[in-house]
């Protein structure tokens, strides 16, 4: 009987999936962007960023999602390979990748991002709050 209980507990715990990126994993809502032009409140715009494994999804409900790969270190997050569909799905389709020119023209203006390879300093990361800083731009997000 004891063996059956131990085997059941081991099987049940083996099915749990732990977040690959700790408190970063999940969906975040952008609350504000602070730039030299001033503070822009974005909570009412319903702008979201989702982290899962090594992929992010940047979206607003009424707009097409943008995807990017990311790497997370203790004090930084690097975003790269921006695409209109999941980067895993567009390996051979160059039309789906976001180009540096498109970035410069404002495809990611809602996020204060103008480069296809960008690194943010992680100013704060908890289970409910994420603050990212890069040069003169600060993004404040909440877990949603």
C-alpha atoms as a PDB file:
ATOM      1  CA  UNK A   1       0.000   0.000   0.000  1.00  0.00           C
ATOM      2  CA  UNK A   2       2.816   2.396   0.870  1.00  0.00           C
ATOM      3  CA  UNK A   3       4.546   1.606  -2.441  1.00  0.00           C
ATOM      4  CA  UNK A   4       1.350   2.406  -4.383  1.00  0.00           C
ATOM      5  CA  UNK A   5       1.016   5.764  -2.563  1.00  0.00           C
ATOM      6  CA  UNK A   6       4.659   6.727  -3.243  1.00  0.00           C
ATOM      7  CA  UNK A   7       4.335   5.718  -6.920  1.00  0.00           C
ATOM      8  CA  UNK A   8       1.126   7.766  -7.271  1.00  0.00           C
ATOM      9  CA  UNK A   9       2.731  10.838  -5.683  1.00  0.00           C
ATOM     10  CA  UNK A  10       5.819  10.544  -7.909  1.00  0.00           C
ATOM     11  CA  UNK A  11       3.663  10.248 -11.036  1.00  0.00           C
ATOM     12  CA  UNK A  12       1.517  13.236 -10.043  1.00  0.00           C
ATOM     13  CA  UNK A  13       4.493  15.465  -9.298  1.00  0.00           C
ATOM     14  CA  UNK A  14       6.113  14.527 -12.616  1.00  0.00           C
ATOM     15  CA  UNK A  15       3.165  16.072 -14.486  1.00  0.00           C
ATOM     16  CA  UNK A  16       3.549  19.535 -12.952  1.00  0.00           C
ATOM     17  CA  UNK A  17       5.049  22.082 -15.305  1.00  0.00           C
ATOM     18  CA  UNK A  18       7.185  24.688 -13.672  1.00  0.00           C
ATOM     19  CA  UNK A  19       7.684  28.064 -15.323  1.00  0.00           C
ATOM     20  CA  UNK A  20      10.879  28.027 -17.385  1.00  0.00           C
ATOM     21  CA  UNK A  21      11.548  31.702 -16.652  1.00  0.00           C
ATOM     22  CA  UNK A  22      10.373  31.959 -13.043  1.00  0.00           C
ATOM     23  CA  UNK A  23       8.159  34.963 -12.296  1.00  0.00           C
ATOM     24  CA  UNK A  24       8.712  36.342 -15.812  1.00  0.00           C
ATOM     25  CA  UNK A  25       6.535  33.661 -17.449  1.00  0.00           C
ATOM     26  CA  UNK A  26       2.940  34.556 -18.203  1.00  0.00           C
ATOM     27  CA  UNK A  27       0.964  37.536 -19.457  1.00  0.00           C
ATOM     28  CA  UNK A  28       1.845  41.127 -18.531  1.00  0.00           C
ATOM     29  CA  UNK A  29      -0.123  44.304 -19.163  1.00  0.00           C
ATOM     30  CA  UNK A  30       1.793  47.441 -20.117  1.00  0.00           C
ATOM     31  CA  UNK A  31       0.828  50.216 -17.691  1.00  0.00           C
ATOM     32  CA  UNK A  32       3.106  53.028 -18.842  1.00  0.00           C
ATOM     33  CA  UNK A  33       6.010  54.062 -21.034  1.00  0.00           C
ATOM     34  CA  UNK A  34       8.290  56.809 -19.785  1.00  0.00           C
ATOM     35  CA  UNK A  35      10.409  58.493 -22.494  1.00  0.00           C
ATOM     36  CA  UNK A  36      12.071  61.912 -22.870  1.00  0.00           C
ATOM     37  CA  UNK A  37       8.776  63.039 -24.442  1.00  0.00           C
ATOM     38  CA  UNK A  38       7.008  62.312 -21.153  1.00  0.00           C
ATOM     39  CA  UNK A  39       5.027  59.635 -19.370  1.00  0.00           C
ATOM     40  CA  UNK A  40       2.404  57.836 -21.457  1.00  0.00           C
ATOM     41  CA  UNK A  41      -0.194  55.850 -19.493  1.00  0.00           C
ATOM     42  CA  UNK A  42      -1.174  52.751 -21.478  1.00  0.00           C
ATOM     43  CA  UNK A  43      -3.376  50.717 -19.136  1.00  0.00           C
ATOM     44  CA  UNK A  44      -6.565  51.774 -20.954  1.00  0.00           C
ATOM     45  CA  UNK A  45      -5.029  50.716 -24.313  1.00  0.00           C
ATOM     46  CA  UNK A  46      -5.017  47.013 -23.324  1.00  0.00           C
ATOM     47  CA  UNK A  47      -1.447  46.379 -24.483  1.00  0.00           C
ATOM     48  CA  UNK A  48       0.048  43.017 -23.446  1.00  0.00           C
ATOM     49  CA  UNK A  49       3.316  41.098 -23.459  1.00  0.00           C
ATOM     50  CA  UNK A  50       3.422  37.333 -22.903  1.00  0.00           C
ATOM     51  CA  UNK A  51       6.520  35.294 -22.023  1.00  0.00           C
ATOM     52  CA  UNK A  52       6.713  31.528 -22.517  1.00  0.00           C
ATOM     53  CA  UNK A  53       9.823  29.384 -22.931  1.00  0.00           C
ATOM     54  CA  UNK A  54      12.023  31.535 -25.247  1.00  0.00           C
ATOM     55  CA  UNK A  55       9.199  33.337 -27.075  1.00  0.00           C
ATOM     56  CA  UNK A  56       7.305  36.566 -26.468  1.00  0.00           C
ATOM     57  CA  UNK A  57       4.035  37.762 -27.930  1.00  0.00           C
ATOM     58  CA  UNK A  58       3.378  41.520 -28.042  1.00  0.00           C
ATOM     59  CA  UNK A  59      -0.259  42.401 -28.699  1.00  0.00           C
ATOM     60  CA  UNK A  60      -3.292  44.622 -28.432  1.00  0.00           C
ATOM     61  CA  UNK A  61      -6.672  42.958 -28.973  1.00  0.00           C
ATOM     62  CA  UNK A  62      -7.510  44.971 -32.104  1.00  0.00           C
ATOM     63  CA  UNK A  63      -4.072  44.640 -33.727  1.00  0.00           C
ATOM     64  CA  UNK A  64      -1.921  41.867 -35.176  1.00  0.00           C
ATOM     65  CA  UNK A  65       0.435  40.267 -32.679  1.00  0.00           C
ATOM     66  CA  UNK A  66       4.192  40.643 -32.976  1.00  0.00           C
ATOM     67  CA  UNK A  67       6.415  37.790 -31.772  1.00  0.00           C
ATOM     68  CA  UNK A  68      10.068  37.746 -30.766  1.00  0.00           C
ATOM     69  CA  UNK A  69      12.616  35.437 -29.239  1.00  0.00           C
ATOM     70  CA  UNK A  70      14.099  36.498 -25.913  1.00  0.00           C
ATOM     71  CA  UNK A  71      16.858  35.598 -23.512  1.00  0.00           C
ATOM     72  CA  UNK A  72      16.571  36.445 -19.840  1.00  0.00           C
ATOM     73  CA  UNK A  73      19.476  36.939 -17.496  1.00  0.00           C
ATOM     74  CA  UNK A  74      19.166  38.038 -13.887  1.00  0.00           C
ATOM     75  CA  UNK A  75      19.424  41.726 -14.775  1.00  0.00           C
ATOM     76  CA  UNK A  76      18.520  41.923 -18.476  1.00  0.00           C
ATOM     77  CA  UNK A  77      16.148  40.746 -21.200  1.00  0.00           C
ATOM     78  CA  UNK A  78      17.202  40.703 -24.846  1.00  0.00           C
ATOM     79  CA  UNK A  79      14.477  40.636 -27.536  1.00  0.00           C
ATOM     80  CA  UNK A  80      15.378  39.631 -31.100  1.00  0.00           C
ATOM     81  CA  UNK A  81      13.979  38.018 -34.285  1.00  0.00           C
ATOM     82  CA  UNK A  82      10.725  39.998 -34.370  1.00  0.00           C
ATOM     83  CA  UNK A  83       8.069  38.468 -36.641  1.00  0.00           C
ATOM     84  CA  UNK A  84       4.373  38.747 -37.547  1.00  0.00           C
ATOM     85  CA  UNK A  85       3.832  35.094 -36.666  1.00  0.00           C
ATOM     86  CA  UNK A  86       5.710  32.803 -34.315  1.00  0.00           C
ATOM     87  CA  UNK A  87       9.408  32.740 -35.358  1.00  0.00           C
ATOM     88  CA  UNK A  88       9.320  28.928 -35.262  1.00  0.00           C
ATOM     89  CA  UNK A  89       6.674  29.041 -38.017  1.00  0.00           C
ATOM     90  CA  UNK A  90       8.537  31.394 -40.378  1.00  0.00           C
ATOM     91  CA  UNK A  91      11.967  29.834 -40.616  1.00  0.00           C
ATOM     92  CA  UNK A  92      11.930  30.025 -44.420  1.00  0.00           C
ATOM     93  CA  UNK A  93       9.449  32.868 -45.014  1.00  0.00           C
ATOM     94  CA  UNK A  94      11.310  36.181 -45.135  1.00  0.00           C
ATOM     95  CA  UNK A  95       8.080  38.173 -45.617  1.00  0.00           C
ATOM     96  CA  UNK A  96       6.981  37.454 -42.046  1.00  0.00           C
ATOM     97  CA  UNK A  97      10.111  38.865 -40.337  1.00  0.00           C
ATOM     98  CA  UNK A  98       9.966  42.459 -39.088  1.00  0.00           C
ATOM     99  CA  UNK A  99      12.774  44.402 -40.762  1.00  0.00           C
ATOM    100  CA  UNK A 100      14.954  47.089 -39.151  1.00  0.00           C
ATOM    101  CA  UNK A 101      13.306  49.601 -41.497  1.00  0.00           C
ATOM    102  CA  UNK A 102       9.813  48.648 -40.271  1.00  0.00           C
ATOM    103  CA  UNK A 103      11.001  49.031 -36.673  1.00  0.00           C
ATOM    104  CA  UNK A 104      12.404  52.461 -37.462  1.00  0.00           C
ATOM    105  CA  UNK A 105       9.098  53.376 -39.143  1.00  0.00           C
ATOM    106  CA  UNK A 106       7.211  52.598 -35.937  1.00  0.00           C
ATOM    107  CA  UNK A 107       5.782  49.072 -36.017  1.00  0.00           C
ATOM    108  CA  UNK A 108       6.640  48.754 -32.280  1.00  0.00           C
ATOM    109  CA  UNK A 109       6.083  52.390 -31.227  1.00  0.00           C
ATOM    110  CA  UNK A 110       3.477  51.287 -28.677  1.00  0.00           C
ATOM    111  CA  UNK A 111       6.399  49.711 -26.823  1.00  0.00           C
ATOM    112  CA  UNK A 112       9.067  52.338 -27.390  1.00  0.00           C
ATOM    113  CA  UNK A 113      11.063  49.813 -29.445  1.00  0.00           C
ATOM    114  CA  UNK A 114      12.818  50.819 -32.670  1.00  0.00           C
ATOM    115  CA  UNK A 115      15.321  47.995 -33.187  1.00  0.00           C
ATOM    116  CA  UNK A 116      15.070  44.323 -34.164  1.00  0.00           C
ATOM    117  CA  UNK A 117      17.619  43.378 -31.479  1.00  0.00           C
ATOM    118  CA  UNK A 118      17.207  45.225 -28.210  1.00  0.00           C
ATOM    119  CA  UNK A 119      18.212  44.673 -24.593  1.00  0.00           C
ATOM    120  CA  UNK A 120      16.429  46.075 -21.550  1.00  0.00           C
ATOM    121  CA  UNK A 121      17.795  46.251 -18.018  1.00  0.00           C
ATOM    122  CA  UNK A 122      15.422  44.566 -15.544  1.00  0.00           C
ATOM    123  CA  UNK A 123      14.907  47.237 -12.923  1.00  0.00           C
ATOM    124  CA  UNK A 124      12.260  45.215 -11.061  1.00  0.00           C
ATOM    125  CA  UNK A 125      10.782  41.722 -11.450  1.00  0.00           C
ATOM    126  CA  UNK A 126       8.350  40.176  -9.001  1.00  0.00           C
ATOM    127  CA  UNK A 127       5.315  37.955  -9.298  1.00  0.00           C
ATOM    128  CA  UNK A 128       3.174  41.027  -9.998  1.00  0.00           C
ATOM    129  CA  UNK A 129       5.394  43.814 -11.378  1.00  0.00           C
ATOM    130  CA  UNK A 130       7.985  44.151 -14.148  1.00  0.00           C
ATOM    131  CA  UNK A 131       9.951  47.328 -14.866  1.00  0.00           C
ATOM    132  CA  UNK A 132      12.249  47.355 -17.904  1.00  0.00           C
ATOM    133  CA  UNK A 133      14.681  50.177 -18.668  1.00  0.00           C
ATOM    134  CA  UNK A 134      16.708  50.965 -21.766  1.00  0.00           C
ATOM    135  CA  UNK A 135      18.601  54.211 -22.202  1.00  0.00           C
ATOM    136  CA  UNK A 136      15.788  56.794 -22.042  1.00  0.00           C
ATOM    137  CA  UNK A 137      12.783  54.417 -22.055  1.00  0.00           C
ATOM    138  CA  UNK A 138      11.131  52.756 -19.036  1.00  0.00           C
ATOM    139  CA  UNK A 139       8.330  50.198 -19.462  1.00  0.00           C
ATOM    140  CA  UNK A 140       6.174  49.426 -16.423  1.00  0.00           C
ATOM    141  CA  UNK A 141       4.036  46.262 -16.568  1.00  0.00           C
ATOM    142  CA  UNK A 142       1.815  44.315 -14.199  1.00  0.00           C
ATOM    143  CA  UNK A 143       1.101  40.590 -14.168  1.00  0.00           C
ATOM    144  CA  UNK A 144      -2.303  40.076 -15.740  1.00  0.00           C
END
